Amino acid sequence: VKCMIIIRDLMTGSQRLLQMGYKEEAIGHNAIAAGVQGQRQWTDYKPNFDFPESLMCSSFDWNGIREAYVLATENDALNGLSMLFGHLLTGKGVMFSDVRTYWSPEAVKRVTGKAPEGLAAGGFIHLINSGATTLDATGAMTGADGKPTIKAPWDMDKKDVEACLGATNWMPADRDYFRGGGYSAHFVTRGGMPMTMMRINIVKGLGPVLQLAEGWTVELDNDVNDILDRRTDPTWPTTWFVPRLDATKDAFKDVYSVMNNWGANHGAICYGHVGADIITLCSMLRIPVCMHNIADSE
């Protein structure tokens, strides 16, 4: 909690610092995005950053509902920029996740005894990270149609906040990673939400390029979810993601190909199918788009 207060004050300033005599520091950096260094530089003897990352990236804290901050983890400024794109386009909290594991239907059946069904039938990607996964991504908020959603802060109320907190457990940090302790948010994202995963990468001699994949969150049977979740870390937030496939594009011929063509082990995931808007933004900023599953008509 103390760490989160420090990060927030660095980004936006604090009148309390002015009262303490720190005039320049009280102004803050007017930051539109921030991030923390690779955690192991200090978490061998201090608590991890999972709590501040998750709650800063959420659309609320102990002061109430507010705009989500953009706070990336693990020294990944490129994913922080990708989060910023998603936040500015949607006004909503954006996930920072590892593009961690591809689960084929054969592997799921072998490990759990059950074959995935529905959207998950062709396999899926496990999005998971110890840190900056917004609690908005629980999917605990519901729209007028009763379906899970992620709302902009101006559409949220106290029930939405309570639903997100109620769907989240704060787990003692895994000591194999974080010997200084701390707490990691754990939840399982509800299925059926349209999501767009994106990432900016740097190509030597060219500069920034962006890749994106529209898709959906999926839910698994509880027993299947628990077995697969334990294969990585059951103290971290889990999102099962299926991208929209396109047989005409090598990178989208199947779910594995999407992960295999991803530029790093991180992705920024925002609510909605906003790939066309992201491509438009990239054209304005002269950033090439090297991989996408958006129809030509869009």
Protein backbone atom coordinates (compact mmCIF):
# COMPACT_ATOMS: atom_id res chain seq x y z
CA VAL A 1 0.00 0.00 0.00
CA LYS A 2 2.85 2.37 0.86
CA CYS A 3 4.50 1.54 -2.46
CA MET A 4 1.28 2.34 -4.35
CA ILE A 5 1.00 5.72 -2.63
CA ILE A 6 4.60 6.53 -3.63
CA ILE A 7 4.01 5.53 -7.27
CA ARG A 8 0.78 7.54 -7.46
CA ASP A 9 2.48 10.60 -5.92
CA LEU A 10 5.35 10.30 -8.41
CA MET A 11 2.87 10.21 -11.30
CA THR A 12 0.36 12.87 -10.24
CA GLY A 13 1.82 14.72 -7.26
CA SER A 14 0.38 15.25 -3.79
CA GLN A 15 -0.61 18.25 -1.68
CA ARG A 16 0.59 16.29 1.35
CA LEU A 17 4.13 16.49 -0.03
CA LEU A 18 3.74 20.26 -0.33
CA GLN A 19 2.70 20.45 3.33
CA MET A 20 5.84 18.51 4.20
CA GLY A 21 7.99 21.07 2.37
CA TYR A 22 8.68 19.15 -0.84
CA LYS A 23 7.43 21.75 -3.31
CA GLU A 24 8.88 20.30 -6.51
CA GLU A 25 7.98 16.70 -5.67
CA ALA A 26 4.41 17.78 -4.82
CA ILE A 27 3.85 18.69 -8.48
CA GLY A 28 4.51 15.13 -9.66
CA HIS A 29 5.54 14.18 -13.19
CA ASN A 30 2.09 14.56 -14.84
CA ALA A 31 2.67 11.01 -16.08
CA ILE A 32 0.33 9.39 -18.60
CA ALA A 33 2.02 6.02 -18.02
CA ALA A 34 4.61 4.52 -15.70
CA GLY A 35 6.30 1.25 -14.93
CA VAL A 36 8.53 -0.60 -12.51
CA GLN A 37 11.90 -2.14 -13.16
CA GLY A 38 12.49 -5.86 -13.26
CA GLN A 39 11.19 -6.79 -9.83
CA ARG A 40 14.09 -8.93 -8.65
CA GLN A 41 16.25 -5.81 -8.23
CA TRP A 42 14.59 -5.29 -4.85
CA THR A 43 11.97 -7.94 -4.15
CA ASP A 44 14.54 -10.35 -2.74
CA TYR A 45 14.24 -8.28 0.43
CA LYS A 46 11.16 -6.05 -0.04
CA PRO A 47 7.53 -6.88 -0.93
CA ASN A 48 6.62 -7.29 -4.58
CA PHE A 49 4.71 -4.77 -6.71
CA ASP A 50 1.69 -6.95 -7.46
CA PHE A 51 -0.74 -5.03 -5.25
CA PRO A 52 0.12 -1.53 -6.54
CA GLU A 53 0.24 -2.73 -10.14
CA SER A 54 -3.16 -4.43 -10.02
CA LEU A 55 -4.92 -1.66 -8.13
CA MET A 56 -3.29 1.25 -9.99
CA CYS A 57 -4.43 -0.30 -13.27
CA SER A 58 -7.98 -0.71 -11.91
CA SER A 59 -10.69 1.95 -12.23
CA PHE A 60 -10.98 2.36 -8.46
CA ASP A 61 -9.06 2.36 -5.20
CA TRP A 62 -9.78 3.19 -1.53
CA ASN A 63 -10.74 6.74 -2.59
CA GLY A 64 -13.48 5.44 -4.89
CA ILE A 65 -14.04 5.20 -8.64
CA ARG A 66 -11.52 7.01 -10.83
CA GLU A 67 -9.71 6.72 -14.17
CA ALA A 68 -7.39 3.71 -14.32
CA TYR A 69 -3.68 4.42 -14.28
CA VAL A 70 -1.32 2.80 -16.79
CA LEU A 71 1.39 1.01 -14.82
CA ALA A 72 3.46 -1.64 -16.57
CA THR A 73 5.68 -4.24 -14.95
CA GLU A 74 9.03 -5.95 -15.50
CA ASN A 75 10.74 -3.01 -17.19
CA ASP A 76 8.54 -3.46 -20.29
CA ALA A 77 8.03 0.08 -21.61
CA LEU A 78 6.83 -1.29 -24.96
CA ASN A 79 3.96 -3.11 -23.28
CA GLY A 80 3.31 0.00 -21.20
CA LEU A 81 2.89 1.99 -24.42
CA SER A 82 0.58 -0.72 -25.75
CA MET A 83 -1.49 -0.45 -22.55
CA LEU A 84 -1.62 3.32 -23.04
CA PHE A 85 -2.96 2.89 -26.59
CA GLY A 86 -5.72 0.61 -25.33
CA HIS A 87 -6.57 2.92 -22.43
CA LEU A 88 -6.72 6.08 -24.52
CA LEU A 89 -8.90 4.39 -27.16
CA THR A 90 -11.39 2.82 -24.73
CA GLY A 91 -11.14 4.89 -21.53
CA LYS A 92 -11.03 1.61 -19.60
CA GLY A 93 -8.54 -0.36 -17.53
CA VAL A 94 -6.15 -2.46 -19.63
CA MET A 95 -4.57 -5.80 -18.76
CA PHE A 96 -0.84 -6.46 -18.64
CA SER A 97 -0.40 -10.20 -19.10
CA ASP A 98 2.17 -12.78 -20.01
CA VAL A 99 1.27 -14.57 -23.23
CA ARG A 100 2.31 -17.56 -21.21
CA THR A 101 1.09 -20.93 -22.46
CA TYR A 102 -0.73 -22.48 -25.41
CA TRP A 103 -3.03 -25.34 -24.44
CA SER A 104 -3.97 -27.61 -27.33
CA PRO A 105 -7.21 -29.61 -27.07
CA GLU A 106 -5.10 -32.79 -27.03
CA ALA A 107 -2.99 -31.53 -24.11
CA VAL A 108 -6.08 -30.44 -22.17
CA LYS A 109 -7.66 -33.88 -22.65
CA ARG A 110 -4.44 -35.66 -21.64
CA VAL A 111 -3.94 -33.59 -18.46
CA THR A 112 -7.55 -33.17 -17.28
CA GLY A 113 -9.45 -36.04 -18.91
CA LYS A 114 -11.83 -33.55 -20.56
CA ALA A 115 -11.78 -32.05 -24.04
CA PRO A 116 -12.44 -28.29 -24.28
CA GLU A 117 -15.69 -27.24 -25.94
CA GLY A 118 -17.22 -24.21 -27.60
CA LEU A 119 -14.86 -21.36 -28.39
CA ALA A 120 -12.11 -23.22 -26.52
CA ALA A 121 -12.42 -26.39 -28.63
CA GLY A 122 -9.44 -25.51 -30.83
CA GLY A 123 -7.17 -24.67 -27.94
CA PHE A 124 -6.52 -21.43 -26.09
CA ILE A 125 -3.83 -19.15 -24.67
CA HIS A 126 -3.24 -18.74 -20.93
CA LEU A 127 -2.82 -15.02 -20.20
CA ILE A 128 -1.33 -14.63 -16.73
CA ASN A 129 1.05 -12.32 -14.88
CA SER A 130 1.99 -11.77 -11.27
CA GLY A 131 1.46 -8.04 -11.46
CA ALA A 132 -0.35 -5.42 -13.48
CA THR A 133 -3.62 -7.13 -14.35
CA THR A 134 -6.44 -4.68 -13.71
CA LEU A 135 -9.16 -5.99 -11.40
CA ASP A 136 -11.63 -4.69 -13.99
CA ALA A 137 -10.64 -7.77 -16.01
CA THR A 138 -12.37 -10.12 -13.60
CA GLY A 139 -15.43 -9.69 -15.82
CA ALA A 140 -17.46 -9.33 -12.62
CA MET A 141 -19.11 -6.17 -13.91
CA THR A 142 -22.18 -6.82 -16.05
CA GLY A 143 -23.81 -4.76 -18.77
CA ALA A 144 -27.49 -4.07 -19.36
CA ASP A 145 -27.70 -7.43 -21.13
CA GLY A 146 -26.41 -9.22 -18.01
CA LYS A 147 -23.20 -10.29 -19.75
CA PRO A 148 -19.72 -9.73 -18.27
CA THR A 149 -18.04 -6.53 -19.36
CA ILE A 150 -15.40 -3.94 -18.53
CA LYS A 151 -16.84 -0.48 -18.00
CA ALA A 152 -15.40 2.99 -18.29
CA PRO A 153 -15.21 4.67 -14.87
CA TRP A 154 -18.01 7.12 -15.69
CA ASP A 155 -20.35 4.13 -16.18
CA MET A 156 -19.33 2.34 -12.97
CA ASP A 157 -21.03 2.36 -9.58
CA LYS A 158 -20.30 0.96 -6.14
CA LYS A 159 -21.79 -2.43 -7.04
CA ASP A 160 -19.31 -2.78 -9.90
CA VAL A 161 -16.40 -2.10 -7.54
CA GLU A 162 -17.71 -4.58 -4.97
CA ALA A 163 -18.19 -7.20 -7.69
CA CYS A 164 -14.57 -6.88 -8.88
CA LEU A 165 -13.20 -7.00 -5.33
CA GLY A 166 -15.46 -9.93 -4.48
CA ALA A 167 -14.10 -11.90 -7.44
CA THR A 168 -10.48 -11.29 -6.37
CA ASN A 169 -8.40 -13.07 -3.75
CA TRP A 170 -5.16 -11.52 -2.48
CA MET A 171 -2.79 -14.44 -2.30
CA PRO A 172 0.51 -14.51 -0.36
CA ALA A 173 3.26 -13.98 -2.92
CA ASP A 174 5.04 -17.06 -4.25
CA ARG A 175 8.28 -17.17 -2.26
CA ASP A 176 10.15 -18.86 -5.13
CA TYR A 177 9.74 -15.59 -7.04
CA PHE A 178 9.35 -13.03 -4.25
CA ARG A 179 11.35 -13.76 -1.13
CA GLY A 180 10.39 -10.36 0.28
CA GLY A 181 6.73 -11.34 0.37
CA GLY A 182 3.75 -9.27 -0.75
CA TYR A 183 0.36 -10.17 -2.16
CA SER A 184 -0.69 -11.16 -5.68
CA ALA A 185 -4.20 -10.74 -7.04
CA HIS A 186 -5.85 -13.97 -8.14
CA PHE A 187 -9.03 -14.23 -10.17
CA VAL A 188 -10.32 -16.10 -13.21
CA THR A 189 -11.74 -13.87 -15.94
CA ARG A 190 -15.33 -14.63 -16.93
CA GLY A 191 -15.83 -15.90 -20.45
CA GLY A 192 -17.55 -14.33 -23.42
CA MET A 193 -15.90 -10.90 -23.34
CA PRO A 194 -14.59 -9.49 -26.65
CA MET A 195 -10.95 -8.48 -26.17
CA THR A 196 -8.12 -7.11 -28.30
CA MET A 197 -4.55 -8.14 -27.48
CA MET A 198 -1.77 -5.94 -28.80
CA ARG A 199 1.93 -5.27 -28.47
CA ILE A 200 4.48 -2.81 -29.80
CA ASN A 201 7.84 -4.36 -30.72
CA ILE A 202 11.06 -2.77 -31.96
CA VAL A 203 12.53 -3.99 -35.26
CA LYS A 204 16.21 -3.13 -35.67
CA GLY A 205 16.67 -0.55 -38.40
CA LEU A 206 12.94 0.12 -38.68
CA GLY A 207 11.65 1.14 -35.27
CA PRO A 208 8.31 0.38 -33.62
CA VAL A 209 5.84 -2.04 -35.17
CA LEU A 210 2.54 -3.17 -33.70
CA GLN A 211 0.76 -6.53 -33.75
CA LEU A 212 -2.76 -7.24 -32.58
CA ALA A 213 -5.22 -10.09 -32.22
CA GLU A 214 -8.94 -9.73 -31.60
CA GLY A 215 -10.59 -12.58 -29.72
CA TRP A 216 -12.65 -13.60 -26.71
CA THR A 217 -12.22 -14.73 -23.14
CA VAL A 218 -13.44 -18.27 -22.43
CA GLU A 219 -14.43 -20.14 -19.29
CA LEU A 220 -13.41 -23.70 -18.49
CA ASP A 221 -15.04 -26.24 -16.18
CA ASN A 222 -13.88 -25.61 -12.62
CA ASP A 223 -11.91 -28.84 -12.34
CA VAL A 224 -10.19 -28.21 -15.70
CA ASN A 225 -9.44 -24.62 -14.76
CA ASP A 226 -7.90 -25.63 -11.43
CA ILE A 227 -5.61 -28.26 -12.95
CA LEU A 228 -4.35 -25.97 -15.73
CA ASP A 229 -4.04 -22.97 -13.41
CA ARG A 230 -1.71 -24.91 -11.10
CA ARG A 231 0.62 -25.64 -14.01
CA THR A 232 1.84 -22.02 -13.84
CA ASP A 233 1.00 -20.22 -10.61
CA PRO A 234 -2.38 -20.44 -8.85
CA THR A 235 -1.67 -17.20 -6.95
CA TRP A 236 -1.82 -15.08 -10.14
CA PRO A 237 -4.80 -13.79 -12.18
CA THR A 238 -5.84 -16.06 -15.05
CA THR A 239 -7.48 -15.21 -18.37
CA TRP A 240 -8.17 -17.91 -20.97
CA PHE A 241 -8.08 -16.26 -24.42
CA VAL A 242 -9.03 -17.47 -27.90
CA PRO A 243 -8.09 -15.25 -30.87
CA ARG A 244 -10.26 -15.01 -33.97
CA LEU A 245 -8.68 -17.26 -36.61
CA ASP A 246 -8.19 -16.50 -40.32
CA ALA A 247 -7.10 -19.32 -42.60
CA THR A 248 -5.75 -16.80 -45.14
CA LYS A 249 -3.12 -15.53 -42.71
CA ASP A 250 -0.28 -17.76 -41.52
CA ALA A 251 -0.15 -16.07 -38.11
CA PHE A 252 -3.84 -16.81 -37.54
CA LYS A 253 -4.25 -20.26 -39.06
CA ASP A 254 -4.62 -21.71 -35.55
CA VAL A 255 -4.35 -20.57 -31.93
CA TYR A 256 -0.76 -21.77 -31.54
CA SER A 257 0.36 -19.72 -34.54
CA VAL A 258 -0.84 -16.53 -32.87
CA MET A 259 1.32 -17.19 -29.82
CA ASN A 260 4.23 -18.45 -31.94
CA ASN A 261 4.26 -15.20 -33.95
CA TRP A 262 3.92 -12.94 -30.90
CA GLY A 263 6.94 -10.66 -30.47
CA ALA A 264 7.50 -11.14 -26.74
CA ASN A 265 6.07 -12.90 -23.72
CA HIS A 266 3.89 -9.88 -22.82
CA GLY A 267 0.71 -8.41 -24.25
CA ALA A 268 -1.66 -5.54 -23.48
CA ILE A 269 -5.29 -6.64 -23.59
CA CYS A 270 -8.19 -4.18 -23.70
CA TYR A 271 -11.95 -4.68 -23.75
CA GLY A 272 -13.79 -4.78 -27.07
CA HIS A 273 -12.86 -5.48 -30.66
CA VAL A 274 -11.03 -2.24 -31.35
CA GLY A 275 -8.44 -3.49 -33.84
CA ALA A 276 -9.64 -1.15 -36.59
CA ASP A 277 -9.24 1.81 -34.23
CA ILE A 278 -5.75 0.66 -33.27
CA ILE A 279 -4.75 0.37 -36.94
CA THR A 280 -6.10 3.88 -37.54
CA LEU A 281 -4.11 5.20 -34.56
CA CYS A 282 -0.98 3.50 -35.87
CA SER A 283 -1.47 5.04 -39.32
CA MET A 284 -1.68 8.49 -37.68
CA LEU A 285 1.54 7.81 -35.75
CA ARG A 286 3.29 6.16 -38.76
CA ILE A 287 3.71 2.87 -36.91
CA PRO A 288 3.62 -0.18 -39.21
CA VAL A 289 1.16 -2.94 -38.25
CA CYS A 290 2.91 -6.26 -38.85
CA MET A 291 0.22 -8.74 -37.73
CA HIS A 292 -3.55 -8.46 -37.31
CA ASN A 293 -6.79 -10.39 -37.83
CA ILE A 294 -9.00 -7.47 -38.91
CA ALA A 295 -11.15 -7.88 -42.02
CA ASP A 296 -10.13 -5.85 -45.06
CA SER A 297 -13.56 -4.19 -45.02
CA GLU A 298 -12.72 -2.64 -41.64
